[in-house]
Amino acid sequence: MKTKIFRVQGKFIMGDTFKPFTRELKAIGEDDIKEKIYSEFGSKHHIVRNQIHIEKIDEISAEDVVDPLIKNLISE
């Protein structure tokens, strides 16, 4: 299976406020992206899944990538 590049936008609860986020990730599909987001935010910010609100998941082309780590992965 071929991986695709996705841009994920949403917000998460940090204390009493919502913090917006935008992430670019490589995955096979949208379900994998959701799991990666939940896992990453849970690990880094110690929050549970219901505190993370994914608003938008878009597949993007390699030319639209902004994240330097993802750019490096796709250039290899």
C-alpha atoms as a PDB file:
ATOM      1  CA  MET A   1       0.000   0.000   0.000  1.00  0.00           C
ATOM      2  CA  LYS A   2       1.198   3.473  -0.820  1.00  0.00           C
ATOM      3  CA  THR A   3       1.350   6.177   1.804  1.00  0.00           C
ATOM      4  CA  LYS A   4      -0.212   9.573   1.252  1.00  0.00           C
ATOM      5  CA  ILE A   5       0.429  12.951   2.816  1.00  0.00           C
ATOM      6  CA  PHE A   6      -2.321  14.538   4.879  1.00  0.00           C
ATOM      7  CA  ARG A   7      -2.780  17.930   6.517  1.00  0.00           C
ATOM      8  CA  VAL A   8      -4.840  17.732   9.711  1.00  0.00           C
ATOM      9  CA  GLN A   9      -6.442  20.743  11.356  1.00  0.00           C
ATOM     10  CA  GLY A  10      -8.269  20.875  14.640  1.00  0.00           C
ATOM     11  CA  LYS A  11      -8.052  21.948  18.231  1.00  0.00           C
ATOM     12  CA  PHE A  12      -7.391  20.384  21.603  1.00  0.00           C
ATOM     13  CA  ILE A  13      -8.224  21.333  25.156  1.00  0.00           C
ATOM     14  CA  MET A  14      -5.266  22.603  27.151  1.00  0.00           C
ATOM     15  CA  GLY A  15      -6.378  23.692  30.590  1.00  0.00           C
ATOM     16  CA  ASP A  16      -9.551  25.728  30.086  1.00  0.00           C
ATOM     17  CA  THR A  17      -8.899  26.826  26.502  1.00  0.00           C
ATOM     18  CA  PHE A  18      -8.908  25.298  23.046  1.00  0.00           C
ATOM     19  CA  LYS A  19      -5.564  25.411  21.240  1.00  0.00           C
ATOM     20  CA  PRO A  20      -5.611  25.131  17.436  1.00  0.00           C
ATOM     21  CA  PHE A  21      -3.219  22.793  15.636  1.00  0.00           C
ATOM     22  CA  THR A  22      -2.175  21.941  12.094  1.00  0.00           C
ATOM     23  CA  ARG A  23      -0.092  18.847  11.419  1.00  0.00           C
ATOM     24  CA  GLU A  24       1.205  17.175   8.281  1.00  0.00           C
ATOM     25  CA  LEU A  25       1.645  13.417   8.431  1.00  0.00           C
ATOM     26  CA  LYS A  26       2.203  10.460   6.145  1.00  0.00           C
ATOM     27  CA  ALA A  27      -0.184   7.527   6.386  1.00  0.00           C
ATOM     28  CA  ILE A  28      -2.147   5.015   4.346  1.00  0.00           C
ATOM     29  CA  GLY A  29      -5.560   6.511   5.100  1.00  0.00           C
ATOM     30  CA  GLU A  30      -7.612   8.835   7.252  1.00  0.00           C
ATOM     31  CA  ASP A  31      -8.172   6.232   9.982  1.00  0.00           C
ATOM     32  CA  ASP A  32      -4.403   5.890  10.412  1.00  0.00           C
ATOM     33  CA  ILE A  33      -4.070   9.671  10.569  1.00  0.00           C
ATOM     34  CA  LYS A  34      -6.651   9.905  13.350  1.00  0.00           C
ATOM     35  CA  GLU A  35      -4.861   7.244  15.386  1.00  0.00           C
ATOM     36  CA  LYS A  36      -1.518   9.016  14.939  1.00  0.00           C
ATOM     37  CA  ILE A  37      -2.992  12.348  16.051  1.00  0.00           C
ATOM     38  CA  TYR A  38      -4.664  10.829  19.128  1.00  0.00           C
ATOM     39  CA  SER A  39      -1.501   8.943  20.038  1.00  0.00           C
ATOM     40  CA  GLU A  40       0.822  11.915  19.544  1.00  0.00           C
ATOM     41  CA  PHE A  41      -1.283  14.420  21.472  1.00  0.00           C
ATOM     42  CA  GLY A  42      -2.008  11.929  24.239  1.00  0.00           C
ATOM     43  CA  SER A  43       1.690  11.239  24.616  1.00  0.00           C
ATOM     44  CA  LYS A  44       2.942  14.818  24.422  1.00  0.00           C
ATOM     45  CA  HIS A  45       0.144  16.666  26.211  1.00  0.00           C
ATOM     46  CA  HIS A  46      -1.316  13.906  28.427  1.00  0.00           C
ATOM     47  CA  ILE A  47      -4.848  14.412  27.157  1.00  0.00           C
ATOM     48  CA  VAL A  48      -7.499  11.867  26.246  1.00  0.00           C
ATOM     49  CA  ARG A  49      -9.170  11.410  22.865  1.00  0.00           C
ATOM     50  CA  ASN A  50     -12.338  13.308  23.700  1.00  0.00           C
ATOM     51  CA  GLN A  51     -10.226  16.435  24.346  1.00  0.00           C
ATOM     52  CA  ILE A  52      -8.975  16.413  20.735  1.00  0.00           C
ATOM     53  CA  HIS A  53     -11.283  17.704  18.008  1.00  0.00           C
ATOM     54  CA  ILE A  54     -10.161  16.933  14.460  1.00  0.00           C
ATOM     55  CA  GLU A  55     -11.944  19.398  12.197  1.00  0.00           C
ATOM     56  CA  LYS A  56     -10.426  18.730   8.797  1.00  0.00           C
ATOM     57  CA  ILE A  57      -8.252  16.097   7.102  1.00  0.00           C
ATOM     58  CA  ASP A  58      -7.041  16.900   3.591  1.00  0.00           C
ATOM     59  CA  GLU A  59      -4.810  14.866   1.324  1.00  0.00           C
ATOM     60  CA  ILE A  60      -2.111  17.168  -0.052  1.00  0.00           C
ATOM     61  CA  SER A  61       0.493  16.876  -2.783  1.00  0.00           C
ATOM     62  CA  ALA A  62       4.225  16.759  -2.139  1.00  0.00           C
ATOM     63  CA  GLU A  63       4.548  20.320  -3.457  1.00  0.00           C
ATOM     64  CA  ASP A  64       2.136  21.632  -0.783  1.00  0.00           C
ATOM     65  CA  VAL A  65       4.078  20.214   2.173  1.00  0.00           C
ATOM     66  CA  VAL A  66       5.355  22.825   4.637  1.00  0.00           C
ATOM     67  CA  ASP A  67       6.704  20.600   7.443  1.00  0.00           C
ATOM     68  CA  PRO A  68      10.480  20.135   6.961  1.00  0.00           C
ATOM     69  CA  LEU A  69      10.444  16.605   8.420  1.00  0.00           C
ATOM     70  CA  ILE A  70       7.807  15.422   5.950  1.00  0.00           C
ATOM     71  CA  LYS A  71       9.633  17.188   3.086  1.00  0.00           C
ATOM     72  CA  ASN A  72      12.763  15.275   4.021  1.00  0.00           C
ATOM     73  CA  LEU A  73      10.884  11.959   4.143  1.00  0.00           C
ATOM     74  CA  ILE A  74       9.344  12.393   0.692  1.00  0.00           C
ATOM     75  CA  SER A  75      12.568  13.596  -0.942  1.00  0.00           C
ATOM     76  CA  GLU A  76      14.393  10.350  -0.127  1.00  0.00           C
END
